[in-house]
Amino acid sequence: MHGQIIRRLLDEKLTTLKEIEQVTGRGTSTLYRWMRGESEPHASDLRNLIRDIRDPRAKRFIVSLLTADLPIVVNWIEQEQSITQKLDAGKHHDQNDAVDTSIQAMRSVTDLIVAQRQSAQAGKQMTDQTYSELIRHIDDSISQLTLTRMLLDRVMHKRHRAPQLDHAVEVDTRQSHATG
């Protein structure tokens, strides 16, 4: 089943066999077994493809195939670099600013949803324009929350990468636990 994802990526010319080999660390014979349905890629292989394959269209393609029959919505962040640029552009000076902006975005969306619920209870139907506005605000809030999460992750990652030592001979064992 998931081996067909590899076949479709190649058929759609979204990647090459060589790139898939490099990203997954698997050999050509393994990839052909996947495509023939004789074996399946591990979840880590698919995760590595989504994370490391160069063409963003291929990433979206894999995610869409994996989630096609699930009742979920996947919001796609184009590139971590663009998120990092937004974080570094001074929009959020620290995690408190990012959290405050996220709280404001969530309040705005909550107010819109409450107003829409009240309208529905009063018998008024949602217009296409109202629907579009609500969806846009929800998407903006999701983006803001994602930025905040990435900033908080960055702050925590830096904190755990460079621990303060009480004295020179202390050994930090947290790194082995944090990466597992």
C-alpha atoms as a PDB file:
ATOM      1  CA  MET A   1       0.000   0.000   0.000  1.00  0.00           C
ATOM      2  CA  HIS A   2       2.577   2.626   1.071  1.00  0.00           C
ATOM      3  CA  GLY A   3       5.041   1.270  -1.461  1.00  0.00           C
ATOM      4  CA  GLN A   4       2.721   2.661  -4.104  1.00  0.00           C
ATOM      5  CA  ILE A   5       3.536   6.134  -2.804  1.00  0.00           C
ATOM      6  CA  ILE A   6       7.089   5.600  -4.059  1.00  0.00           C
ATOM      7  CA  ARG A   7       5.810   4.463  -7.449  1.00  0.00           C
ATOM      8  CA  ARG A   8       3.499   7.470  -7.737  1.00  0.00           C
ATOM      9  CA  LEU A   9       6.244   9.913  -6.734  1.00  0.00           C
ATOM     10  CA  LEU A  10       8.389   8.520  -9.532  1.00  0.00           C
ATOM     11  CA  ASP A  11       5.508   8.380 -12.038  1.00  0.00           C
ATOM     12  CA  GLU A  12       4.646  12.015 -11.295  1.00  0.00           C
ATOM     13  CA  LYS A  13       8.360  12.908 -11.653  1.00  0.00           C
ATOM     14  CA  LEU A  14       8.384  14.545  -8.234  1.00  0.00           C
ATOM     15  CA  THR A  15      11.644  12.840  -7.277  1.00  0.00           C
ATOM     16  CA  THR A  16      14.160  10.277  -8.432  1.00  0.00           C
ATOM     17  CA  LEU A  17      15.010   6.807  -7.239  1.00  0.00           C
ATOM     18  CA  LYS A  18      18.432   8.119  -6.251  1.00  0.00           C
ATOM     19  CA  GLU A  19      16.952  10.833  -4.037  1.00  0.00           C
ATOM     20  CA  ILE A  20      14.629   8.325  -2.354  1.00  0.00           C
ATOM     21  CA  GLU A  21      17.626   6.057  -1.715  1.00  0.00           C
ATOM     22  CA  GLN A  22      19.581   8.964  -0.206  1.00  0.00           C
ATOM     23  CA  VAL A  23      16.713  10.169   1.977  1.00  0.00           C
ATOM     24  CA  THR A  24      15.662   6.745   3.282  1.00  0.00           C
ATOM     25  CA  GLY A  25      19.083   5.077   3.302  1.00  0.00           C
ATOM     26  CA  ARG A  26      17.505   2.074   1.553  1.00  0.00           C
ATOM     27  CA  GLY A  27      18.867   0.306  -1.504  1.00  0.00           C
ATOM     28  CA  THR A  28      17.338   0.079  -4.958  1.00  0.00           C
ATOM     29  CA  SER A  29      16.215  -3.523  -4.463  1.00  0.00           C
ATOM     30  CA  THR A  30      14.306  -2.528  -1.291  1.00  0.00           C
ATOM     31  CA  LEU A  31      12.590   0.330  -3.100  1.00  0.00           C
ATOM     32  CA  TYR A  32      11.518  -1.999  -5.923  1.00  0.00           C
ATOM     33  CA  ARG A  33      10.148  -4.500  -3.357  1.00  0.00           C
ATOM     34  CA  TRP A  34       8.090  -1.668  -1.873  1.00  0.00           C
ATOM     35  CA  MET A  35       6.758  -0.695  -5.289  1.00  0.00           C
ATOM     36  CA  ARG A  36       5.832  -4.314  -6.105  1.00  0.00           C
ATOM     37  CA  GLY A  37       4.062  -4.678  -2.755  1.00  0.00           C
ATOM     38  CA  GLU A  38       6.445  -7.385  -1.508  1.00  0.00           C
ATOM     39  CA  SER A  39       7.309  -5.302   1.547  1.00  0.00           C
ATOM     40  CA  GLU A  40       6.354  -1.949   3.020  1.00  0.00           C
ATOM     41  CA  PRO A  41       8.377   1.114   3.988  1.00  0.00           C
ATOM     42  CA  HIS A  42       8.660   1.760   7.712  1.00  0.00           C
ATOM     43  CA  ALA A  43       6.956   4.810   9.158  1.00  0.00           C
ATOM     44  CA  SER A  44      10.427   6.319   9.653  1.00  0.00           C
ATOM     45  CA  ASP A  45      11.089   5.985   5.904  1.00  0.00           C
ATOM     46  CA  LEU A  46       7.924   7.920   5.099  1.00  0.00           C
ATOM     47  CA  ARG A  47       8.694  10.497   7.776  1.00  0.00           C
ATOM     48  CA  ASN A  48      12.194  10.962   6.338  1.00  0.00           C
ATOM     49  CA  LEU A  49      10.748  11.422   2.853  1.00  0.00           C
ATOM     50  CA  ILE A  50       8.304  14.065   4.052  1.00  0.00           C
ATOM     51  CA  ARG A  51      11.014  15.852   6.000  1.00  0.00           C
ATOM     52  CA  ASP A  52      14.005  15.570   3.659  1.00  0.00           C
ATOM     53  CA  ILE A  53      12.819  15.248   0.064  1.00  0.00           C
ATOM     54  CA  ARG A  54      13.702  18.445  -1.815  1.00  0.00           C
ATOM     55  CA  ASP A  55      10.570  19.175  -3.844  1.00  0.00           C
ATOM     56  CA  PRO A  56       7.796  20.644  -1.646  1.00  0.00           C
ATOM     57  CA  ARG A  57       5.230  19.269  -4.108  1.00  0.00           C
ATOM     58  CA  ALA A  58       6.505  15.761  -3.338  1.00  0.00           C
ATOM     59  CA  LYS A  59       6.152  16.397   0.407  1.00  0.00           C
ATOM     60  CA  ARG A  60       2.554  17.571  -0.039  1.00  0.00           C
ATOM     61  CA  PHE A  61       1.850  14.624  -2.340  1.00  0.00           C
ATOM     62  CA  ILE A  62       3.045  12.087   0.245  1.00  0.00           C
ATOM     63  CA  VAL A  63       1.062  13.708   3.055  1.00  0.00           C
ATOM     64  CA  SER A  64      -2.072  13.921   0.912  1.00  0.00           C
ATOM     65  CA  LEU A  65      -1.832  10.220   0.008  1.00  0.00           C
ATOM     66  CA  LEU A  66      -1.251   9.206   3.619  1.00  0.00           C
ATOM     67  CA  THR A  67      -4.169  11.284   4.930  1.00  0.00           C
ATOM     68  CA  ALA A  68      -6.636  11.011   2.029  1.00  0.00           C
ATOM     69  CA  ASP A  69      -9.114   8.787   3.875  1.00  0.00           C
ATOM     70  CA  LEU A  70      -8.749  10.403   7.292  1.00  0.00           C
ATOM     71  CA  PRO A  71     -11.151  12.988   8.728  1.00  0.00           C
ATOM     72  CA  ILE A  72      -8.380  15.555   9.272  1.00  0.00           C
ATOM     73  CA  VAL A  73      -7.144  18.781   7.750  1.00  0.00           C
ATOM     74  CA  VAL A  74      -3.422  19.188   7.222  1.00  0.00           C
ATOM     75  CA  ASN A  75      -2.088  22.741   7.201  1.00  0.00           C
ATOM     76  CA  TRP A  76       1.168  22.855   5.317  1.00  0.00           C
ATOM     77  CA  ILE A  77       4.083  25.013   6.437  1.00  0.00           C
ATOM     78  CA  GLU A  78       6.062  25.595   3.246  1.00  0.00           C
ATOM     79  CA  GLN A  79       9.570  25.645   4.640  1.00  0.00           C
ATOM     80  CA  GLU A  80      11.115  25.792   8.068  1.00  0.00           C
ATOM     81  CA  GLN A  81      13.427  28.457   6.682  1.00  0.00           C
ATOM     82  CA  SER A  82      10.496  30.792   5.958  1.00  0.00           C
ATOM     83  CA  ILE A  83       9.191  30.251   9.500  1.00  0.00           C
ATOM     84  CA  THR A  84      12.666  30.916  10.886  1.00  0.00           C
ATOM     85  CA  GLN A  85      12.877  34.110   8.822  1.00  0.00           C
ATOM     86  CA  LYS A  86       9.548  35.271  10.227  1.00  0.00           C
ATOM     87  CA  LEU A  87      10.750  34.529  13.744  1.00  0.00           C
ATOM     88  CA  ASP A  88      14.055  36.298  13.130  1.00  0.00           C
ATOM     89  CA  ALA A  89      12.421  39.293  11.409  1.00  0.00           C
ATOM     90  CA  GLY A  90      11.635  40.797  14.777  1.00  0.00           C
ATOM     91  CA  LYS A  91       7.906  40.106  14.697  1.00  0.00           C
ATOM     92  CA  HIS A  92       8.317  38.262  17.996  1.00  0.00           C
ATOM     93  CA  HIS A  93      11.122  39.367  20.249  1.00  0.00           C
ATOM     94  CA  ASP A  94      10.732  36.510  22.665  1.00  0.00           C
ATOM     95  CA  GLN A  95       8.414  33.692  23.605  1.00  0.00           C
ATOM     96  CA  ASN A  96       6.215  36.013  25.698  1.00  0.00           C
ATOM     97  CA  ASP A  97       5.515  38.248  22.682  1.00  0.00           C
ATOM     98  CA  ALA A  98       4.675  35.189  20.571  1.00  0.00           C
ATOM     99  CA  VAL A  99       2.373  33.783  23.253  1.00  0.00           C
ATOM    100  CA  ASP A 100       0.630  37.166  23.635  1.00  0.00           C
ATOM    101  CA  THR A 101       0.068  37.358  19.868  1.00  0.00           C
ATOM    102  CA  SER A 102      -1.297  33.806  19.836  1.00  0.00           C
ATOM    103  CA  ILE A 103      -3.682  34.612  22.678  1.00  0.00           C
ATOM    104  CA  GLN A 104      -4.913  37.672  20.780  1.00  0.00           C
ATOM    105  CA  ALA A 105      -5.406  35.610  17.590  1.00  0.00           C
ATOM    106  CA  MET A 106      -7.338  32.919  19.483  1.00  0.00           C
ATOM    107  CA  ARG A 107      -9.557  35.526  21.162  1.00  0.00           C
ATOM    108  CA  SER A 108     -10.346  37.047  17.771  1.00  0.00           C
ATOM    109  CA  VAL A 109     -11.312  33.663  16.306  1.00  0.00           C
ATOM    110  CA  THR A 110     -13.285  32.743  19.413  1.00  0.00           C
ATOM    111  CA  ASP A 111     -15.258  36.013  19.164  1.00  0.00           C
ATOM    112  CA  LEU A 112     -16.060  35.297  15.505  1.00  0.00           C
ATOM    113  CA  ILE A 113     -17.151  31.730  16.260  1.00  0.00           C
ATOM    114  CA  VAL A 114     -19.334  32.859  19.186  1.00  0.00           C
ATOM    115  CA  ALA A 115     -20.950  35.536  17.001  1.00  0.00           C
ATOM    116  CA  GLN A 116     -21.603  32.942  14.301  1.00  0.00           C
ATOM    117  CA  ARG A 117     -23.124  30.532  16.821  1.00  0.00           C
ATOM    118  CA  GLN A 118     -25.399  33.275  18.130  1.00  0.00           C
ATOM    119  CA  SER A 119     -26.471  34.105  14.570  1.00  0.00           C
ATOM    120  CA  ALA A 120     -27.206  30.442  13.887  1.00  0.00           C
ATOM    121  CA  GLN A 121     -29.234  30.172  17.091  1.00  0.00           C
ATOM    122  CA  ALA A 122     -31.216  33.225  15.949  1.00  0.00           C
ATOM    123  CA  GLY A 123     -31.996  31.388  12.707  1.00  0.00           C
ATOM    124  CA  LYS A 124     -29.606  33.286  10.452  1.00  0.00           C
ATOM    125  CA  GLN A 125     -27.617  31.279   7.927  1.00  0.00           C
ATOM    126  CA  MET A 126     -23.923  31.834   7.395  1.00  0.00           C
ATOM    127  CA  THR A 127     -23.133  33.667   4.173  1.00  0.00           C
ATOM    128  CA  ASP A 128     -20.305  32.649   1.856  1.00  0.00           C
ATOM    129  CA  GLN A 129     -18.487  35.852   2.770  1.00  0.00           C
ATOM    130  CA  THR A 130     -18.815  35.178   6.511  1.00  0.00           C
ATOM    131  CA  TYR A 131     -17.660  31.608   5.997  1.00  0.00           C
ATOM    132  CA  SER A 132     -14.601  32.774   4.016  1.00  0.00           C
ATOM    133  CA  GLU A 133     -13.750  35.363   6.667  1.00  0.00           C
ATOM    134  CA  LEU A 134     -14.068  32.831   9.467  1.00  0.00           C
ATOM    135  CA  ILE A 135     -11.877  30.304   7.647  1.00  0.00           C
ATOM    136  CA  ARG A 136      -9.257  32.982   6.921  1.00  0.00           C
ATOM    137  CA  HIS A 137      -9.150  33.969  10.615  1.00  0.00           C
ATOM    138  CA  ILE A 138      -8.901  30.333  11.696  1.00  0.00           C
ATOM    139  CA  ASP A 139      -6.054  29.719   9.226  1.00  0.00           C
ATOM    140  CA  ASP A 140      -4.259  32.889  10.408  1.00  0.00           C
ATOM    141  CA  SER A 141      -4.607  31.724  14.015  1.00  0.00           C
ATOM    142  CA  ILE A 142      -3.236  28.290  13.144  1.00  0.00           C
ATOM    143  CA  SER A 143      -0.248  29.945  11.465  1.00  0.00           C
ATOM    144  CA  GLN A 144       0.318  32.168  14.493  1.00  0.00           C
ATOM    145  CA  LEU A 145       0.088  29.223  16.882  1.00  0.00           C
ATOM    146  CA  THR A 146       2.528  27.281  14.706  1.00  0.00           C
ATOM    147  CA  LEU A 147       5.002  30.168  14.793  1.00  0.00           C
ATOM    148  CA  THR A 148       4.643  30.386  18.558  1.00  0.00           C
ATOM    149  CA  ARG A 149       5.179  26.654  18.962  1.00  0.00           C
ATOM    150  CA  MET A 150       8.277  26.751  16.774  1.00  0.00           C
ATOM    151  CA  LEU A 151       9.662  29.681  18.759  1.00  0.00           C
ATOM    152  CA  LEU A 152       9.005  27.873  22.037  1.00  0.00           C
ATOM    153  CA  ASP A 153      10.578  24.691  20.625  1.00  0.00           C
ATOM    154  CA  ARG A 154      13.622  26.717  19.563  1.00  0.00           C
ATOM    155  CA  VAL A 155      13.936  28.290  23.012  1.00  0.00           C
ATOM    156  CA  MET A 156      13.670  24.897  24.748  1.00  0.00           C
ATOM    157  CA  HIS A 157      16.084  23.278  22.293  1.00  0.00           C
ATOM    158  CA  LYS A 158      18.698  25.975  22.959  1.00  0.00           C
ATOM    159  CA  ARG A 159      18.174  25.620  26.685  1.00  0.00           C
ATOM    160  CA  HIS A 160      18.801  21.862  26.577  1.00  0.00           C
ATOM    161  CA  ARG A 161      21.664  22.054  24.067  1.00  0.00           C
ATOM    162  CA  ALA A 162      23.804  24.373  26.163  1.00  0.00           C
ATOM    163  CA  PRO A 163      23.212  23.419  29.786  1.00  0.00           C
ATOM    164  CA  GLN A 164      24.807  25.456  32.533  1.00  0.00           C
ATOM    165  CA  LEU A 165      27.361  23.418  34.450  1.00  0.00           C
ATOM    166  CA  ASP A 166      27.880  23.918  38.175  1.00  0.00           C
ATOM    167  CA  HIS A 167      31.511  22.897  37.851  1.00  0.00           C
ATOM    168  CA  ALA A 168      33.779  21.735  35.080  1.00  0.00           C
ATOM    169  CA  VAL A 169      33.589  17.980  35.729  1.00  0.00           C
ATOM    170  CA  GLU A 170      29.798  17.656  35.774  1.00  0.00           C
ATOM    171  CA  VAL A 171      28.417  15.444  32.989  1.00  0.00           C
ATOM    172  CA  ASP A 172      25.088  16.320  31.366  1.00  0.00           C
ATOM    173  CA  THR A 173      23.045  13.183  30.642  1.00  0.00           C
ATOM    174  CA  ARG A 174      19.917  15.049  29.498  1.00  0.00           C
ATOM    175  CA  GLN A 175      20.932  15.101  25.823  1.00  0.00           C
ATOM    176  CA  SER A 176      20.639  11.351  25.417  1.00  0.00           C
ATOM    177  CA  HIS A 177      17.109  11.464  26.864  1.00  0.00           C
ATOM    178  CA  ALA A 178      15.990  14.535  24.882  1.00  0.00           C
ATOM    179  CA  THR A 179      16.823  13.062  21.476  1.00  0.00           C
ATOM    180  CA  GLY A 180      15.197   9.683  22.084  1.00  0.00           C
END
